[in-house]
Amino acid sequence: MKKLAVLAMLLATTGFSLFGQSKTKVYLEVISNDSKTVDYTLGVYPGSYAYYQPDGIDPYSTLTLRVVNSGTETLHWNDRSKIFILLKNGTLFCNYLTAASDGEKACSFTIYNGGSHDQTLCFSTKFDVSDIEKVWLYDGTHDQVFALVYDEYESK
């Protein structure tokens, strides 16, 4: 129930919609401590999937990660955090570190209390989002793994 309330807050505070879909799909997790100094929600949106084959570099896939910081402390996300995806055929992979130092493809960023950030996750694997079995966040700073829960909600 708490995750549904946080998802509603995430949607209300960010106004995030993807391509006018009637149902938006998300892999969601809320991470917090008892004192709420750490309290953030992250969502990985399969509806944002894109595959690119640019000239001169290897092809890659992307998904959008949205992080909303409701904690009393500033959230410092760094390149040691990875999103892992397990496909139904058993293939496991994670996003790779980009060369970007700012913007949506940067793997390190800061979110102040009440703020949010969208990160474009880049993967060297081409996949179909309907083949996703599970999604995890690996927090390399604290050496913890969090399972993201799949949900769908009505888009406005």
Protein backbone atom coordinates (compact mmCIF):
# COMPACT_ATOMS: atom_id res chain seq x y z
CA MET A 1 0.00 0.00 0.00
CA LYS A 2 2.88 2.36 0.83
CA LYS A 3 4.38 1.80 -2.63
CA LEU A 4 1.07 2.75 -4.28
CA ALA A 5 0.91 5.95 -2.24
CA VAL A 6 4.49 6.81 -3.15
CA LEU A 7 3.80 6.01 -6.81
CA ALA A 8 0.83 8.40 -6.73
CA MET A 9 3.07 11.06 -5.18
CA LEU A 10 5.74 10.40 -7.79
CA LEU A 11 3.26 10.92 -10.59
CA ALA A 12 1.61 13.97 -9.03
CA THR A 13 4.86 15.79 -8.29
CA THR A 14 6.61 15.03 -11.54
CA GLY A 15 3.85 14.93 -14.14
CA PHE A 16 5.72 12.20 -15.99
CA SER A 17 3.95 10.61 -18.97
CA LEU A 18 5.36 8.52 -21.74
CA PHE A 19 4.13 8.80 -25.30
CA GLY A 20 0.45 9.26 -24.37
CA GLN A 21 -0.07 5.62 -23.37
CA SER A 22 -3.31 4.75 -21.60
CA LYS A 23 -1.36 2.60 -19.13
CA THR A 24 2.14 3.45 -18.01
CA LYS A 25 4.33 0.58 -16.89
CA VAL A 26 7.03 1.03 -14.25
CA TYR A 27 9.46 -1.00 -12.16
CA LEU A 28 9.38 0.77 -8.81
CA GLU A 29 11.17 0.81 -5.46
CA VAL A 30 11.13 3.07 -2.40
CA ILE A 31 14.32 3.22 -0.35
CA SER A 32 14.29 4.93 3.04
CA ASN A 33 15.54 4.79 6.60
CA ASP A 34 13.51 5.25 9.80
CA SER A 35 14.51 8.89 10.24
CA LYS A 36 13.63 9.68 6.57
CA THR A 37 16.98 11.37 5.99
CA VAL A 38 17.18 8.86 3.15
CA ASP A 39 13.84 8.54 1.37
CA TYR A 40 13.75 8.23 -2.39
CA THR A 41 11.64 6.56 -5.01
CA LEU A 42 13.02 5.23 -8.24
CA GLY A 43 11.18 4.01 -11.29
CA VAL A 44 12.40 2.39 -14.49
CA TYR A 45 9.96 2.97 -17.36
CA PRO A 46 9.87 0.24 -20.05
CA GLY A 47 7.67 2.46 -22.25
CA SER A 48 10.68 4.74 -22.75
CA TYR A 49 12.71 1.98 -24.46
CA ALA A 50 14.66 2.97 -27.56
CA TYR A 51 17.32 1.26 -29.65
CA TYR A 52 19.98 3.27 -31.51
CA GLN A 53 22.46 2.33 -34.23
CA PRO A 54 24.52 5.51 -34.69
CA ASP A 55 27.39 5.69 -37.16
CA GLY A 56 30.83 5.28 -35.64
CA ILE A 57 29.81 3.76 -32.28
CA ASP A 58 28.30 0.49 -31.11
CA PRO A 59 24.50 0.23 -31.07
CA TYR A 60 22.80 0.62 -27.71
CA SER A 61 19.41 0.50 -25.97
CA THR A 62 18.04 3.05 -23.51
CA LEU A 63 15.44 3.21 -20.74
CA THR A 64 14.47 6.12 -18.49
CA LEU A 65 15.19 5.99 -14.77
CA ARG A 66 13.39 8.60 -12.65
CA VAL A 67 14.58 9.26 -9.09
CA VAL A 68 12.56 11.43 -6.68
CA ASN A 69 14.20 12.52 -3.42
CA SER A 70 11.74 12.95 -0.52
CA GLY A 71 14.46 12.63 2.13
CA THR A 72 15.71 15.42 4.33
CA GLU A 73 19.25 14.93 3.00
CA THR A 74 20.59 15.58 -0.46
CA LEU A 75 20.84 12.40 -2.52
CA HIS A 76 24.19 11.84 -4.24
CA TRP A 77 23.76 9.17 -6.94
CA ASN A 78 27.00 7.87 -8.35
CA ASP A 79 28.29 5.63 -11.11
CA ARG A 80 28.57 2.66 -8.74
CA SER A 81 24.76 2.28 -8.86
CA LYS A 82 23.54 0.01 -11.64
CA ILE A 83 20.19 -1.20 -12.92
CA PHE A 84 20.24 -4.94 -13.64
CA ILE A 85 17.68 -6.54 -15.95
CA LEU A 86 16.91 -10.25 -16.18
CA LEU A 87 15.14 -11.40 -19.33
CA LYS A 88 12.79 -14.38 -19.44
CA ASN A 89 15.44 -16.35 -21.38
CA GLY A 90 17.92 -16.00 -18.48
CA THR A 91 20.02 -13.17 -19.98
CA LEU A 92 21.24 -10.80 -17.24
CA PHE A 93 22.80 -7.40 -18.00
CA CYS A 94 23.16 -3.93 -16.51
CA ASN A 95 23.47 -0.35 -17.70
CA TYR A 96 26.95 0.80 -18.59
CA LEU A 97 28.94 3.82 -17.48
CA THR A 98 28.70 6.63 -20.03
CA ALA A 99 31.27 9.35 -20.67
CA ALA A 100 28.68 12.07 -19.92
CA SER A 101 29.51 14.27 -16.93
CA ASP A 102 26.16 16.10 -16.89
CA GLY A 103 22.70 15.82 -18.36
CA GLU A 104 20.43 12.78 -18.63
CA LYS A 105 23.15 10.30 -19.60
CA ALA A 106 25.44 11.21 -16.69
CA CYS A 107 25.77 8.32 -14.23
CA SER A 108 26.51 10.59 -11.25
CA PHE A 109 24.14 13.34 -10.16
CA THR A 110 22.77 15.18 -7.12
CA ILE A 111 19.10 15.55 -6.13
CA TYR A 112 18.16 18.03 -3.43
CA ASN A 113 15.22 17.47 -1.05
CA GLY A 114 11.97 17.54 -3.01
CA GLY A 115 13.74 17.29 -6.36
CA SER A 116 13.85 14.66 -9.08
CA HIS A 117 16.13 13.58 -11.88
CA ASP A 118 15.61 11.58 -15.06
CA GLN A 119 18.56 9.47 -16.16
CA THR A 120 18.84 7.81 -19.54
CA LEU A 121 20.17 4.33 -18.82
CA CYS A 122 22.31 2.89 -21.63
CA PHE A 123 22.63 -0.84 -22.32
CA SER A 124 24.79 -2.67 -24.84
CA THR A 125 22.05 -5.33 -25.17
CA LYS A 126 19.12 -5.06 -27.58
CA PHE A 127 15.98 -6.47 -25.98
CA ASP A 128 12.19 -6.38 -26.07
CA VAL A 129 10.66 -4.89 -22.93
CA SER A 130 7.96 -7.59 -22.95
CA ASP A 131 10.79 -10.08 -22.26
CA ILE A 132 11.80 -8.43 -18.96
CA GLU A 133 11.44 -10.87 -16.07
CA LYS A 134 12.94 -8.84 -13.18
CA VAL A 135 14.70 -5.53 -12.51
CA TRP A 136 17.08 -4.69 -9.64
CA LEU A 137 19.01 -1.72 -8.38
CA TYR A 138 22.53 -2.50 -7.25
CA ASP A 139 23.72 0.24 -4.88
CA GLY A 140 27.48 -0.11 -5.19
CA THR A 141 28.16 2.51 -2.53
CA HIS A 142 26.46 0.43 0.17
CA ASP A 143 26.79 -2.97 -1.57
CA GLN A 144 23.03 -3.60 -1.48
CA VAL A 145 20.56 -5.00 -4.01
CA PHE A 146 16.93 -3.87 -4.23
CA ALA A 147 14.27 -5.66 -6.28
CA LEU A 148 12.01 -3.30 -8.22
CA VAL A 149 8.30 -4.14 -8.29
CA TYR A 150 6.38 -4.02 -11.57
CA ASP A 151 3.25 -1.86 -11.66
CA GLU A 152 0.90 -0.24 -14.17
CA TYR A 153 -1.15 2.91 -13.71
CA GLU A 154 -3.61 4.91 -15.79
CA SER A 155 -2.01 7.83 -17.63
CA LYS A 156 -3.86 11.12 -17.86
